[in-house]
Amino acid sequence: MKIDKSAYGEDYNKELNDKIVKIASVAVCLVIIFVIGILAWALPQPTYSEYEKRDLNQMPEFSLESLLNHIKQHWKSILHHRCQAPVCGMNL
């Protein structure tokens, strides 16, 4: 059984093509962003700055504990600055 495509009309075909193009465009953009992220992580990082004529500091090792401590300190600082009024009722 064949489906008569002309029964849907040109508007349907145009809408379908537009939708496919939009989805493909988003997919291409996401793939490009993903590839750039992978390359930034995988490629070797410079250890010497020619411009500054000095060795660069090494990135610290990632740990979940240090990330959580940093987030805690950041939010504590934000809350401290926002909750200066006695209405807030928080002692930081």
C-alpha atoms as a PDB file:
ATOM      1  CA  MET A   1       0.000   0.000   0.000  1.00  0.00           C
ATOM      2  CA  LYS A   2       1.559   3.263  -1.112  1.00  0.00           C
ATOM      3  CA  ILE A   3       0.830   6.547   0.612  1.00  0.00           C
ATOM      4  CA  ASP A   4      -0.131   9.363  -1.683  1.00  0.00           C
ATOM      5  CA  LYS A   5       2.224  12.175  -0.594  1.00  0.00           C
ATOM      6  CA  SER A   6       0.336  14.720  -2.610  1.00  0.00           C
ATOM      7  CA  ALA A   7      -2.613  14.244  -0.255  1.00  0.00           C
ATOM      8  CA  TYR A   8      -0.669  16.021   2.490  1.00  0.00           C
ATOM      9  CA  GLY A   9       0.049  19.025   0.320  1.00  0.00           C
ATOM     10  CA  GLU A  10       3.137  21.114  -0.151  1.00  0.00           C
ATOM     11  CA  ASP A  11       2.653  22.934   3.147  1.00  0.00           C
ATOM     12  CA  TYR A  12       3.019  19.694   5.086  1.00  0.00           C
ATOM     13  CA  ASN A  13       6.185  18.764   3.202  1.00  0.00           C
ATOM     14  CA  LYS A  14       7.648  22.241   3.744  1.00  0.00           C
ATOM     15  CA  GLU A  15       6.868  22.122   7.480  1.00  0.00           C
ATOM     16  CA  LEU A  16       8.413  18.673   7.745  1.00  0.00           C
ATOM     17  CA  ASN A  17      11.553  19.797   5.910  1.00  0.00           C
ATOM     18  CA  ASP A  18      11.805  22.916   8.087  1.00  0.00           C
ATOM     19  CA  LYS A  19      11.514  20.789  11.215  1.00  0.00           C
ATOM     20  CA  ILE A  20      14.211  18.405   9.993  1.00  0.00           C
ATOM     21  CA  VAL A  21      16.522  21.316   9.175  1.00  0.00           C
ATOM     22  CA  LYS A  22      15.996  22.843  12.637  1.00  0.00           C
ATOM     23  CA  ILE A  23      16.695  19.551  14.401  1.00  0.00           C
ATOM     24  CA  ALA A  24      19.767  18.942  12.255  1.00  0.00           C
ATOM     25  CA  SER A  25      21.063  22.464  12.969  1.00  0.00           C
ATOM     26  CA  VAL A  26      20.732  21.989  16.722  1.00  0.00           C
ATOM     27  CA  ALA A  27      22.379  18.568  16.499  1.00  0.00           C
ATOM     28  CA  VAL A  28      25.327  19.973  14.515  1.00  0.00           C
ATOM     29  CA  CYS A  29      25.812  22.799  17.042  1.00  0.00           C
ATOM     30  CA  LEU A  30      25.744  20.356  19.968  1.00  0.00           C
ATOM     31  CA  VAL A  31      28.249  18.060  18.268  1.00  0.00           C
ATOM     32  CA  ILE A  32      30.594  21.005  17.612  1.00  0.00           C
ATOM     33  CA  ILE A  33      30.396  22.120  21.257  1.00  0.00           C
ATOM     34  CA  PHE A  34      30.980  18.540  22.433  1.00  0.00           C
ATOM     35  CA  VAL A  35      34.005  18.082  20.159  1.00  0.00           C
ATOM     36  CA  ILE A  36      35.538  21.389  21.282  1.00  0.00           C
ATOM     37  CA  GLY A  37      35.099  20.338  24.910  1.00  0.00           C
ATOM     38  CA  ILE A  38      36.718  16.958  24.298  1.00  0.00           C
ATOM     39  CA  LEU A  39      39.624  18.580  22.434  1.00  0.00           C
ATOM     40  CA  ALA A  40      40.153  21.152  25.202  1.00  0.00           C
ATOM     41  CA  TRP A  41      40.323  18.324  27.726  1.00  0.00           C
ATOM     42  CA  ALA A  42      42.408  15.888  25.660  1.00  0.00           C
ATOM     43  CA  LEU A  43      44.997  18.158  24.051  1.00  0.00           C
ATOM     44  CA  PRO A  44      48.156  18.833  26.062  1.00  0.00           C
ATOM     45  CA  GLN A  45      48.091  22.008  28.107  1.00  0.00           C
ATOM     46  CA  PRO A  46      50.976  24.492  27.799  1.00  0.00           C
ATOM     47  CA  THR A  47      53.481  24.511  30.662  1.00  0.00           C
ATOM     48  CA  TYR A  48      55.492  27.571  29.617  1.00  0.00           C
ATOM     49  CA  SER A  49      54.336  31.041  28.616  1.00  0.00           C
ATOM     50  CA  GLU A  50      56.432  32.502  25.810  1.00  0.00           C
ATOM     51  CA  TYR A  51      54.741  35.886  26.252  1.00  0.00           C
ATOM     52  CA  GLU A  52      55.482  36.095  29.992  1.00  0.00           C
ATOM     53  CA  LYS A  53      58.744  34.102  29.807  1.00  0.00           C
ATOM     54  CA  ARG A  54      57.828  31.942  32.795  1.00  0.00           C
ATOM     55  CA  ASP A  55      56.579  28.492  33.752  1.00  0.00           C
ATOM     56  CA  LEU A  56      52.841  28.234  34.204  1.00  0.00           C
ATOM     57  CA  ASN A  57      51.266  26.867  37.374  1.00  0.00           C
ATOM     58  CA  GLN A  58      49.809  23.389  37.187  1.00  0.00           C
ATOM     59  CA  MET A  59      46.077  22.931  37.503  1.00  0.00           C
ATOM     60  CA  PRO A  60      45.085  21.528  40.898  1.00  0.00           C
ATOM     61  CA  GLU A  61      43.806  17.970  41.037  1.00  0.00           C
ATOM     62  CA  PHE A  62      40.022  17.789  40.949  1.00  0.00           C
ATOM     63  CA  SER A  63      38.245  16.433  43.985  1.00  0.00           C
ATOM     64  CA  LEU A  64      34.589  16.461  44.880  1.00  0.00           C
ATOM     65  CA  GLU A  65      35.418  17.603  48.412  1.00  0.00           C
ATOM     66  CA  SER A  66      37.242  20.734  47.241  1.00  0.00           C
ATOM     67  CA  LEU A  67      34.411  21.529  44.816  1.00  0.00           C
ATOM     68  CA  LEU A  68      31.793  21.245  47.551  1.00  0.00           C
ATOM     69  CA  ASN A  69      33.904  23.350  49.945  1.00  0.00           C
ATOM     70  CA  HIS A  70      34.253  26.043  47.300  1.00  0.00           C
ATOM     71  CA  ILE A  71      30.493  26.061  46.642  1.00  0.00           C
ATOM     72  CA  LYS A  72      29.790  26.214  50.391  1.00  0.00           C
ATOM     73  CA  GLN A  73      32.162  29.178  50.862  1.00  0.00           C
ATOM     74  CA  HIS A  74      30.715  30.957  47.833  1.00  0.00           C
ATOM     75  CA  TRP A  75      27.108  30.649  49.030  1.00  0.00           C
ATOM     76  CA  LYS A  76      28.071  31.551  52.586  1.00  0.00           C
ATOM     77  CA  SER A  77      29.626  34.755  51.240  1.00  0.00           C
ATOM     78  CA  ILE A  78      26.550  35.550  49.143  1.00  0.00           C
ATOM     79  CA  LEU A  79      24.194  34.943  52.052  1.00  0.00           C
ATOM     80  CA  HIS A  80      26.370  37.014  54.364  1.00  0.00           C
ATOM     81  CA  HIS A  81      26.236  40.013  52.027  1.00  0.00           C
ATOM     82  CA  ARG A  82      22.509  39.678  51.318  1.00  0.00           C
ATOM     83  CA  CYS A  83      21.410  38.983  54.868  1.00  0.00           C
ATOM     84  CA  GLN A  84      22.831  42.051  56.607  1.00  0.00           C
ATOM     85  CA  ALA A  85      19.325  43.203  57.586  1.00  0.00           C
ATOM     86  CA  PRO A  86      17.970  41.867  60.915  1.00  0.00           C
ATOM     87  CA  VAL A  87      14.846  40.705  59.085  1.00  0.00           C
ATOM     88  CA  CYS A  88      16.798  37.857  57.521  1.00  0.00           C
ATOM     89  CA  GLY A  89      17.239  36.143  60.888  1.00  0.00           C
ATOM     90  CA  MET A  90      20.404  34.274  59.911  1.00  0.00           C
ATOM     91  CA  ASN A  91      23.636  34.278  61.884  1.00  0.00           C
ATOM     92  CA  LEU A  92      26.570  33.576  59.629  1.00  0.00           C
END
